[in-house]
C-alpha atoms as a PDB file:
ATOM      1  CA  MET A   1     -37.566  -7.150  19.346  1.00  0.00           C
ATOM      2  CA  SER A   2     -38.402  -9.681  21.439  1.00  0.00           C
ATOM      3  CA  LYS A   3     -37.942 -13.315  21.367  1.00  0.00           C
ATOM      4  CA  LEU A   4     -41.476 -15.274  20.821  1.00  0.00           C
ATOM      5  CA  ALA A   5     -41.919 -18.191  22.795  1.00  0.00           C
ATOM      6  CA  GLN A   6     -42.932 -21.788  20.498  1.00  0.00           C
ATOM      7  CA  GLU A   7     -46.308 -21.430  21.259  1.00  0.00           C
ATOM      8  CA  GLU A   8     -46.293 -18.056  19.896  1.00  0.00           C
ATOM      9  CA  VAL A   9     -44.936 -19.083  16.623  1.00  0.00           C
ATOM     10  CA  LEU A  10     -47.228 -22.236  16.262  1.00  0.00           C
ATOM     11  CA  ALA A  11     -50.205 -20.170  17.158  1.00  0.00           C
ATOM     12  CA  ALA A  12     -49.096 -17.119  14.456  1.00  0.00           C
ATOM     13  CA  ILE A  13     -48.453 -20.142  11.844  1.00  0.00           C
ATOM     14  CA  LYS A  14     -51.561 -21.439  12.207  1.00  0.00           C
ATOM     15  CA  ALA A  15     -52.932 -17.704  11.482  1.00  0.00           C
ATOM     16  CA  GLY A  16     -51.449 -17.570   8.846  1.00  0.00           C
ATOM     17  CA  THR A  17     -49.269 -13.881  10.631  1.00  0.00           C
ATOM     18  CA  PRO A  18     -45.639 -13.368   8.890  1.00  0.00           C
ATOM     19  CA  LEU A  19     -43.053 -13.996  11.290  1.00  0.00           C
ATOM     20  CA  ASN A  20     -40.367 -12.477   9.245  1.00  0.00           C
ATOM     21  CA  LYS A  21     -37.676 -11.057  10.548  1.00  0.00           C
ATOM     22  CA  LYS A  22     -38.817 -12.425  14.022  1.00  0.00           C
ATOM     23  CA  ASP A  23     -36.038 -13.623  16.696  1.00  0.00           C
ATOM     24  CA  LEU A  24     -36.380 -17.174  16.842  1.00  0.00           C
ATOM     25  CA  TYR A  25     -32.631 -17.452  18.878  1.00  0.00           C
ATOM     26  CA  GLN A  26     -32.310 -21.261  20.087  1.00  0.00           C
ATOM     27  CA  ILE A  27     -35.907 -22.069  19.367  1.00  0.00           C
ATOM     28  CA  ASP A  28     -37.596 -25.539  20.027  1.00  0.00           C
ATOM     29  CA  LEU A  29     -39.834 -26.514  17.085  1.00  0.00           C
ATOM     30  CA  SER A  30     -38.730 -30.165  16.743  1.00  0.00           C
ATOM     31  CA  GLY A  31     -41.310 -32.416  14.864  1.00  0.00           C
ATOM     32  CA  CYS A  32     -43.917 -29.307  14.917  1.00  0.00           C
ATOM     33  CA  ASP A  33     -46.260 -28.674  11.448  1.00  0.00           C
ATOM     34  CA  LEU A  34     -45.234 -25.683  10.072  1.00  0.00           C
ATOM     35  CA  GLN A  35     -46.160 -25.885   6.961  1.00  0.00           C
ATOM     36  CA  LYS A  36     -45.877 -22.748   4.266  1.00  0.00           C
ATOM     37  CA  ALA A  37     -44.993 -20.505   7.780  1.00  0.00           C
ATOM     38  CA  ASP A  38     -43.155 -17.272   6.803  1.00  0.00           C
ATOM     39  CA  LEU A  39     -40.054 -16.835   8.555  1.00  0.00           C
ATOM     40  CA  GLN A  40     -38.430 -14.513   5.757  1.00  0.00           C
ATOM     41  CA  GLU A  41     -34.769 -13.541   7.275  1.00  0.00           C
ATOM     42  CA  ALA A  42     -36.476 -14.616  10.393  1.00  0.00           C
ATOM     43  CA  THR A  43     -32.777 -15.103  12.782  1.00  0.00           C
ATOM     44  CA  LEU A  44     -33.556 -19.113  13.315  1.00  0.00           C
ATOM     45  CA  ILE A  45     -29.960 -19.433  15.161  1.00  0.00           C
ATOM     46  CA  ARG A  46     -29.153 -22.734  16.756  1.00  0.00           C
ATOM     47  CA  ALA A  47     -33.034 -23.895  16.136  1.00  0.00           C
ATOM     48  CA  ASN A  48     -34.259 -27.350  16.934  1.00  0.00           C
ATOM     49  CA  LEU A  49     -36.447 -27.652  13.792  1.00  0.00           C
ATOM     50  CA  SER A  50     -35.501 -31.374  14.081  1.00  0.00           C
ATOM     51  CA  LEU A  51     -38.357 -33.608  12.088  1.00  0.00           C
ATOM     52  CA  ALA A  52     -40.157 -30.862  12.142  1.00  0.00           C
ATOM     53  CA  ASN A  53     -42.797 -30.002   8.665  1.00  0.00           C
ATOM     54  CA  LEU A  54     -41.322 -26.733   6.770  1.00  0.00           C
ATOM     55  CA  SER A  55     -42.960 -27.614   3.112  1.00  0.00           C
ATOM     56  CA  GLU A  56     -43.360 -24.706   1.562  1.00  0.00           C
ATOM     57  CA  ALA A  57     -42.314 -22.843   4.073  1.00  0.00           C
ATOM     58  CA  ASN A  58     -40.903 -19.355   3.415  1.00  0.00           C
ATOM     59  CA  LEU A  59     -36.998 -19.127   4.813  1.00  0.00           C
ATOM     60  CA  SER A  60     -35.901 -16.648   2.009  1.00  0.00           C
ATOM     61  CA  GLY A  61     -33.096 -14.466   3.504  1.00  0.00           C
ATOM     62  CA  ALA A  62     -33.179 -16.136   7.383  1.00  0.00           C
ATOM     63  CA  ASP A  63     -30.397 -16.945   9.785  1.00  0.00           C
ATOM     64  CA  LEU A  64     -30.468 -20.787  10.192  1.00  0.00           C
ATOM     65  CA  ARG A  65     -26.273 -20.691  11.200  1.00  0.00           C
ATOM     66  CA  SER A  66     -25.979 -23.978  13.642  1.00  0.00           C
ATOM     67  CA  SER A  67     -29.230 -24.887  13.318  1.00  0.00           C
ATOM     68  CA  ASP A  68     -30.616 -28.281  13.824  1.00  0.00           C
ATOM     69  CA  LEU A  69     -32.857 -29.426  10.288  1.00  0.00           C
ATOM     70  CA  HIS A  70     -31.911 -33.723  10.647  1.00  0.00           C
ATOM     71  CA  GLN A  71     -34.887 -35.206   8.956  1.00  0.00           C
ATOM     72  CA  ALA A  72     -37.133 -32.284   8.686  1.00  0.00           C
ATOM     73  CA  LEU A  73     -39.114 -31.843   5.724  1.00  0.00           C
ATOM     74  CA  LEU A  74     -38.293 -29.057   3.251  1.00  0.00           C
ATOM     75  CA  GLN A  75     -39.821 -29.888   0.145  1.00  0.00           C
ATOM     76  CA  LYS A  76     -40.726 -26.908  -2.536  1.00  0.00           C
ATOM     77  CA  ALA A  77     -39.125 -23.956   0.460  1.00  0.00           C
ATOM     78  CA  ASN A  78     -37.630 -20.887  -0.958  1.00  0.00           C
ATOM     79  CA  LEU A  79     -34.288 -20.832   1.422  1.00  0.00           C
ATOM     80  CA  GLN A  80     -33.159 -18.477  -1.441  1.00  0.00           C
ATOM     81  CA  GLY A  81     -30.120 -16.515   0.301  1.00  0.00           C
ATOM     82  CA  ALA A  82     -30.820 -18.537   3.478  1.00  0.00           C
ATOM     83  CA  TYR A  83     -27.270 -18.991   6.022  1.00  0.00           C
ATOM     84  CA  LEU A  84     -27.266 -22.421   6.385  1.00  0.00           C
ATOM     85  CA  TYR A  85     -23.917 -22.193   7.963  1.00  0.00           C
ATOM     86  CA  ARG A  86     -23.417 -25.520  10.160  1.00  0.00           C
ATOM     87  CA  VAL A  87     -26.891 -26.965  10.071  1.00  0.00           C
ATOM     88  CA  ASN A  88     -27.450 -30.079   9.939  1.00  0.00           C
ATOM     89  CA  LEU A  89     -29.535 -31.620   7.501  1.00  0.00           C
ATOM     90  CA  SER A  90     -28.673 -35.338   8.105  1.00  0.00           C
ATOM     91  CA  GLY A  91     -32.134 -36.739   6.743  1.00  0.00           C
ATOM     92  CA  ALA A  92     -33.930 -34.126   5.198  1.00  0.00           C
ATOM     93  CA  ASP A  93     -36.085 -33.707   2.679  1.00  0.00           C
ATOM     94  CA  LEU A  94     -35.326 -30.742   0.717  1.00  0.00           C
ATOM     95  CA  SER A  95     -36.776 -31.831  -2.923  1.00  0.00           C
ATOM     96  CA  GLU A  96     -38.198 -28.899  -4.866  1.00  0.00           C
ATOM     97  CA  ALA A  97     -36.924 -26.557  -2.464  1.00  0.00           C
ATOM     98  CA  ASN A  98     -35.127 -23.216  -3.715  1.00  0.00           C
ATOM     99  CA  LEU A  99     -31.602 -23.049  -2.650  1.00  0.00           C
ATOM    100  CA  THR A 100     -30.119 -20.720  -5.122  1.00  0.00           C
ATOM    101  CA  GLU A 101     -27.741 -18.006  -3.593  1.00  0.00           C
ATOM    102  CA  ALA A 102     -28.065 -20.217   0.330  1.00  0.00           C
ATOM    103  CA  LYS A 103     -24.569 -21.002   2.882  1.00  0.00           C
ATOM    104  CA  LEU A 104     -24.211 -24.292   3.122  1.00  0.00           C
ATOM    105  CA  GLN A 105     -20.324 -23.874   4.061  1.00  0.00           C
ATOM    106  CA  GLY A 106     -20.205 -26.339   6.983  1.00  0.00           C
ATOM    107  CA  ALA A 107     -23.450 -28.080   7.319  1.00  0.00           C
ATOM    108  CA  ARG A 108     -23.945 -31.769   7.521  1.00  0.00           C
ATOM    109  CA  TYR A 109     -25.494 -33.897   5.178  1.00  0.00           C
ATOM    110  CA  ASP A 110     -25.513 -37.766   4.783  1.00  0.00           C
ATOM    111  CA  SER A 111     -26.438 -40.633   2.473  1.00  0.00           C
ATOM    112  CA  ALA A 112     -30.468 -40.296   3.268  1.00  0.00           C
ATOM    113  CA  THR A 113     -30.158 -36.580   2.765  1.00  0.00           C
ATOM    114  CA  ILE A 114     -32.499 -35.443  -0.231  1.00  0.00           C
ATOM    115  CA  PHE A 115     -31.494 -32.259  -2.326  1.00  0.00           C
ATOM    116  CA  PRO A 116     -32.802 -30.459  -5.764  1.00  0.00           C
ATOM    117  CA  GLU A 117     -32.711 -32.379  -8.932  1.00  0.00           C
ATOM    118  CA  ASN A 118     -29.647 -31.042 -10.299  1.00  0.00           C
ATOM    119  CA  PHE A 119     -28.340 -29.017  -7.401  1.00  0.00           C
ATOM    120  CA  ALA A 120     -25.153 -29.130  -7.367  1.00  0.00           C
ATOM    121  CA  TYR A 121     -24.543 -29.983  -3.172  1.00  0.00           C
ATOM    122  CA  LYS A 122     -21.234 -31.726  -3.840  1.00  0.00           C
ATOM    123  CA  SER A 123     -19.293 -28.177  -4.208  1.00  0.00           C
ATOM    124  CA  SER A 124     -21.864 -26.157  -2.047  1.00  0.00           C
ATOM    125  CA  GLY A 125     -19.286 -26.331   0.721  1.00  0.00           C
ATOM    126  CA  ALA A 126     -21.086 -28.598   3.135  1.00  0.00           C
ATOM    127  CA  ILE A 127     -19.500 -32.008   4.372  1.00  0.00           C
ATOM    128  CA  GLY A 128     -20.838 -35.540   3.497  1.00  0.00           C
ATOM    129  CA  PRO A 129     -20.464 -38.141   1.451  1.00  0.00           C
ATOM    130  CA  SER A 130     -18.445 -37.435  -2.495  1.00  0.00           C
ATOM    131  CA  ALA A 131     -18.281 -33.403  -0.961  1.00  0.00           C
ATOM    132  CA  SER A 132     -15.868 -31.827  -3.118  1.00  0.00           C
ATOM    133  CA  LEU A 133     -13.710 -29.651  -0.141  1.00  0.00           C
ATOM    134  CA  ASN A 134     -10.631 -30.121  -1.190  1.00  0.00           C
ATOM    135  CA  GLY A 135      -8.587 -26.979   0.717  1.00  0.00           C
ATOM    136  CA  ALA A 136     -11.155 -26.544   2.740  1.00  0.00           C
ATOM    137  CA  ALA A 137     -10.194 -25.121   6.457  1.00  0.00           C
ATOM    138  CA  LEU A 138     -12.359 -26.998   9.041  1.00  0.00           C
ATOM    139  CA  ASN A 139      -9.889 -26.764  11.876  1.00  0.00           C
ATOM    140  CA  THR A 140     -10.886 -27.556  15.297  1.00  0.00           C
ATOM    141  CA  GLY A 141     -14.278 -28.427  13.409  1.00  0.00           C
ATOM    142  CA  ASN A 142     -16.322 -30.986  15.517  1.00  0.00           C
ATOM    143  CA  LEU A 143     -17.519 -33.976  13.292  1.00  0.00           C
ATOM    144  CA  ARG A 144     -18.121 -36.609  15.572  1.00  0.00           C
ATOM    145  CA  ASP A 145     -19.323 -39.103  13.485  1.00  0.00           C
ATOM    146  CA  ALA A 146     -19.303 -37.781  10.170  1.00  0.00           C
ATOM    147  CA  ASP A 147     -20.100 -39.688   7.294  1.00  0.00           C
ATOM    148  CA  LEU A 148     -17.231 -37.925   4.646  1.00  0.00           C
ATOM    149  CA  LYS A 149     -16.711 -41.556   2.525  1.00  0.00           C
ATOM    150  CA  ASN A 150     -15.629 -40.527  -0.315  1.00  0.00           C
ATOM    151  CA  ALA A 151     -15.159 -37.295  -0.047  1.00  0.00           C
ATOM    152  CA  ASN A 152     -12.371 -35.059  -1.432  1.00  0.00           C
ATOM    153  CA  LEU A 153     -10.167 -33.323   0.944  1.00  0.00           C
ATOM    154  CA  MET A 154      -6.270 -32.799  -0.658  1.00  0.00           C
ATOM    155  CA  GLY A 155      -5.116 -30.536   1.243  1.00  0.00           C
ATOM    156  CA  ALA A 156      -7.813 -29.586   3.797  1.00  0.00           C
ATOM    157  CA  TYR A 157      -6.708 -28.433   7.016  1.00  0.00           C
ATOM    158  CA  LEU A 158      -8.807 -30.538   9.608  1.00  0.00           C
ATOM    159  CA  GLY A 159      -5.738 -29.832  12.182  1.00  0.00           C
ATOM    160  CA  GLY A 160      -7.052 -30.421  15.749  1.00  0.00           C
ATOM    161  CA  ALA A 161     -10.817 -31.129  14.533  1.00  0.00           C
ATOM    162  CA  ASP A 162     -12.935 -34.561  16.757  1.00  0.00           C
ATOM    163  CA  LEU A 163     -13.412 -37.170  13.725  1.00  0.00           C
ATOM    164  CA  THR A 164     -14.076 -39.335  16.520  1.00  0.00           C
ATOM    165  CA  GLY A 165     -16.155 -42.107  14.500  1.00  0.00           C
ATOM    166  CA  ALA A 166     -16.710 -40.324  11.374  1.00  0.00           C
ATOM    167  CA  ASN A 167     -16.604 -42.375   8.242  1.00  0.00           C
ATOM    168  CA  LEU A 168     -13.677 -41.595   5.551  1.00  0.00           C
ATOM    169  CA  ALA A 169     -13.611 -44.709   4.168  1.00  0.00           C
ATOM    170  CA  GLY A 170     -12.567 -44.266   0.178  1.00  0.00           C
ATOM    171  CA  ALA A 171     -11.773 -40.267   1.098  1.00  0.00           C
ATOM    172  CA  ARG A 172      -9.250 -38.152  -0.318  1.00  0.00           C
ATOM    173  CA  LEU A 173      -6.873 -37.045   2.757  1.00  0.00           C
ATOM    174  CA  VAL A 174      -3.710 -36.510   0.625  1.00  0.00           C
ATOM    175  CA  GLN A 175      -1.591 -33.573   2.220  1.00  0.00           C
ATOM    176  CA  ALA A 176      -4.034 -32.725   3.972  1.00  0.00           C
ATOM    177  CA  ASP A 177      -3.303 -31.552   7.588  1.00  0.00           C
ATOM    178  CA  LEU A 178      -4.103 -33.490  10.861  1.00  0.00           C
ATOM    179  CA  ARG A 179      -2.260 -32.402  13.276  1.00  0.00           C
ATOM    180  CA  LYS A 180      -3.943 -33.233  16.262  1.00  0.00           C
ATOM    181  CA  ALA A 181      -7.066 -34.394  14.404  1.00  0.00           C
ATOM    182  CA  ILE A 182      -8.789 -36.559  16.936  1.00  0.00           C
ATOM    183  CA  LEU A 183      -9.174 -40.097  14.597  1.00  0.00           C
ATOM    184  CA  THR A 184     -10.636 -42.257  17.086  1.00  0.00           C
ATOM    185  CA  GLY A 185     -12.424 -45.289  16.152  1.00  0.00           C
ATOM    186  CA  ALA A 186     -12.520 -43.651  12.679  1.00  0.00           C
ATOM    187  CA  TYR A 187     -13.024 -45.354   9.076  1.00  0.00           C
ATOM    188  CA  LEU A 188     -10.742 -44.584   6.630  1.00  0.00           C
ATOM    189  CA  GLN A 189     -10.531 -48.149   4.641  1.00  0.00           C
ATOM    190  CA  LYS A 190      -9.023 -47.305   1.402  1.00  0.00           C
ATOM    191  CA  ALA A 191      -8.544 -43.380   2.447  1.00  0.00           C
ATOM    192  CA  ARG A 192      -5.662 -42.027   0.452  1.00  0.00           C
ATOM    193  CA  LEU A 193      -3.478 -40.437   2.595  1.00  0.00           C
ATOM    194  CA  ASN A 194      -0.401 -39.896   1.517  1.00  0.00           C
ATOM    195  CA  GLY A 195       2.025 -37.074   2.501  1.00  0.00           C
ATOM    196  CA  ALA A 196      -0.769 -35.859   5.265  1.00  0.00           C
ATOM    197  CA  ASN A 197       0.302 -34.628   8.227  1.00  0.00           C
ATOM    198  CA  LEU A 198      -0.172 -37.210  11.334  1.00  0.00           C
ATOM    199  CA  ALA A 199       1.245 -34.668  14.285  1.00  0.00           C
ATOM    200  CA  GLY A 200      -0.245 -35.587  17.400  1.00  0.00           C
ATOM    201  CA  SER A 201      -3.058 -37.426  16.113  1.00  0.00           C
ATOM    202  CA  ASP A 202      -5.087 -39.560  17.986  1.00  0.00           C
ATOM    203  CA  LEU A 203      -5.942 -42.430  15.748  1.00  0.00           C
ATOM    204  CA  ARG A 204      -6.866 -45.546  18.591  1.00  0.00           C
ATOM    205  CA  ALA A 205      -8.317 -48.244  17.046  1.00  0.00           C
ATOM    206  CA  ALA A 206      -8.737 -46.643  13.424  1.00  0.00           C
ATOM    207  CA  ASP A 207      -9.577 -48.560  11.087  1.00  0.00           C
ATOM    208  CA  LEU A 208      -6.823 -48.240   7.791  1.00  0.00           C
ATOM    209  CA  THR A 209      -7.230 -50.857   6.046  1.00  0.00           C
ATOM    210  CA  ASP A 210      -6.150 -51.062   2.449  1.00  0.00           C
ATOM    211  CA  ALA A 211      -5.182 -46.619   3.675  1.00  0.00           C
ATOM    212  CA  ASP A 212      -2.879 -46.354   1.089  1.00  0.00           C
ATOM    213  CA  PHE A 213       0.329 -44.072   1.423  1.00  0.00           C
ATOM    214  CA  GLU A 214       3.967 -44.826   1.440  1.00  0.00           C
ATOM    215  CA  LYS A 215       4.891 -41.352   3.158  1.00  0.00           C
ATOM    216  CA  PHE A 216       3.339 -38.854   6.002  1.00  0.00           C
ATOM    217  CA  GLU A 217       4.370 -35.530   6.296  1.00  0.00           C
ATOM    218  CA  SER A 218       5.218 -36.382   9.968  1.00  0.00           C
ATOM    219  CA  ILE A 219       3.539 -39.256  11.933  1.00  0.00           C
ATOM    220  CA  ALA A 220       5.173 -36.828  15.901  1.00  0.00           C
ATOM    221  CA  GLY A 221       2.896 -38.119  18.215  1.00  0.00           C
ATOM    222  CA  ALA A 222       0.571 -39.584  16.217  1.00  0.00           C
ATOM    223  CA  ASP A 223      -0.727 -42.766  18.416  1.00  0.00           C
ATOM    224  CA  PHE A 224      -1.561 -45.876  16.522  1.00  0.00           C
ATOM    225  CA  THR A 225      -2.602 -47.899  19.544  1.00  0.00           C
ATOM    226  CA  ASN A 226      -4.871 -50.801  18.548  1.00  0.00           C
ATOM    227  CA  VAL A 227      -5.575 -49.533  15.007  1.00  0.00           C
ATOM    228  CA  GLN A 228      -6.965 -52.110  12.695  1.00  0.00           C
ATOM    229  CA  GLY A 229      -6.109 -53.686   9.074  1.00  0.00           C
ATOM    230  CA  LEU A 230      -2.682 -51.944   9.823  1.00  0.00           C
ATOM    231  CA  THR A 231      -0.150 -54.452   8.351  1.00  0.00           C
ATOM    232  CA  ASP A 232       3.366 -55.138   9.105  1.00  0.00           C
ATOM    233  CA  GLU A 233       4.491 -53.770   5.298  1.00  0.00           C
ATOM    234  CA  MET A 234       2.193 -50.192   6.457  1.00  0.00           C
ATOM    235  CA  ARG A 235       3.729 -50.963  10.502  1.00  0.00           C
ATOM    236  CA  SER A 236       7.577 -50.872   9.049  1.00  0.00           C
ATOM    237  CA  ARG A 237       7.170 -48.141   6.514  1.00  0.00           C
ATOM    238  CA  LEU A 238       5.840 -46.298   9.420  1.00  0.00           C
ATOM    239  CA  LEU A 239       8.645 -47.271  11.615  1.00  0.00           C
ATOM    240  CA  ASN A 240      10.567 -45.807   8.918  1.00  0.00           C
ATOM    241  CA  HIS A 241       9.878 -41.897  10.554  1.00  0.00           C
ATOM    242  CA  PRO A 242      12.736 -40.199  11.751  1.00  0.00           C
ATOM    243  CA  ARG A 243      12.922 -41.689  15.551  1.00  0.00           C
ATOM    244  CA  GLN A 244      13.235 -37.993  16.744  1.00  0.00           C
ATOM    245  CA  GLU A 245       8.921 -37.972  15.336  1.00  0.00           C
ATOM    246  CA  LEU A 246       8.575 -41.920  16.500  1.00  0.00           C
ATOM    247  CA  GLU A 247       9.793 -40.934  19.883  1.00  0.00           C
ATOM    248  CA  THR A 248       7.142 -37.420  20.388  1.00  0.00           C
ATOM    249  CA  LEU A 249       4.741 -38.858  23.062  1.00  0.00           C
ATOM    250  CA  ASN A 250       1.669 -37.903  22.060  1.00  0.00           C
ATOM    251  CA  GLN A 251       0.491 -34.903  24.346  1.00  0.00           C
ATOM    252  CA  LEU A 252      -2.935 -36.530  24.851  1.00  0.00           C
ATOM    253  CA  THR A 253      -2.401 -40.417  25.709  1.00  0.00           C
ATOM    254  CA  LEU A 254       1.005 -40.056  27.256  1.00  0.00           C
ATOM    255  CA  LYS A 255       2.526 -42.627  24.982  1.00  0.00           C
ATOM    256  CA  THR A 256       5.425 -42.598  22.105  1.00  0.00           C
ATOM    257  CA  THR A 257       4.087 -43.363  18.337  1.00  0.00           C
ATOM    258  CA  LEU A 258       7.144 -46.054  18.542  1.00  0.00           C
ATOM    259  CA  ALA A 259       5.637 -47.442  21.606  1.00  0.00           C
ATOM    260  CA  SER A 260       1.518 -47.503  20.087  1.00  0.00           C
ATOM    261  CA  LEU A 261       3.037 -49.489  17.430  1.00  0.00           C
ATOM    262  CA  THR A 262       4.722 -51.733  19.009  1.00  0.00           C
ATOM    263  CA  LYS A 263       2.933 -55.457  18.835  1.00  0.00           C
END
């Protein structure tokens, strides 16, 4: 199946020609008017559809994995059975869209994303504010600047994940696996972290103001350099971890946990 170019796609849509099952891999249609386009079962993997108008478009069964739909208009679009794994839905308007049996695992949304009324997006497997991701496998995921405020991540697998600048304020991370996670500049205010595993994690300049923890499973090699909101009481709890953990070197920053906690 030959791959269509942007001009061919726009001409087809303008003429009302169906594009079902067409190969549109990595196509750039950002900002384009795609209203009522027939893209049923089309391959749109890694497509750039940001700011596009897809209102009333037929995307049923379409493969949109890792595509960019941020700030796209998807009002009344048919996304039944669509593959939306790891799609960027930040700021997208999905009001009155049909999301029946759509696969949303790993899709990113934020506080500006509009979902259809009564759609249970928090438990859909998508990643965003107040998402229910207890026990989710997000190892090595790219979650830079993700909005996970008040998300439920109890027992989640976040080993090696890039959470640089992520908003985890109020998130429940009890017993989460954060080994070798990158949390530089992350917002962890009032996050619940008791029992989490921080071994080898990079928390430089993270904000732990009012974070709730008694003890971590491990902080061996964790780097707390320039962490904000770390009270003397919190620092004391961290320094009560076994000496072997405190003297472990962070493989990325080449600093021991003890050195990173020393004023």
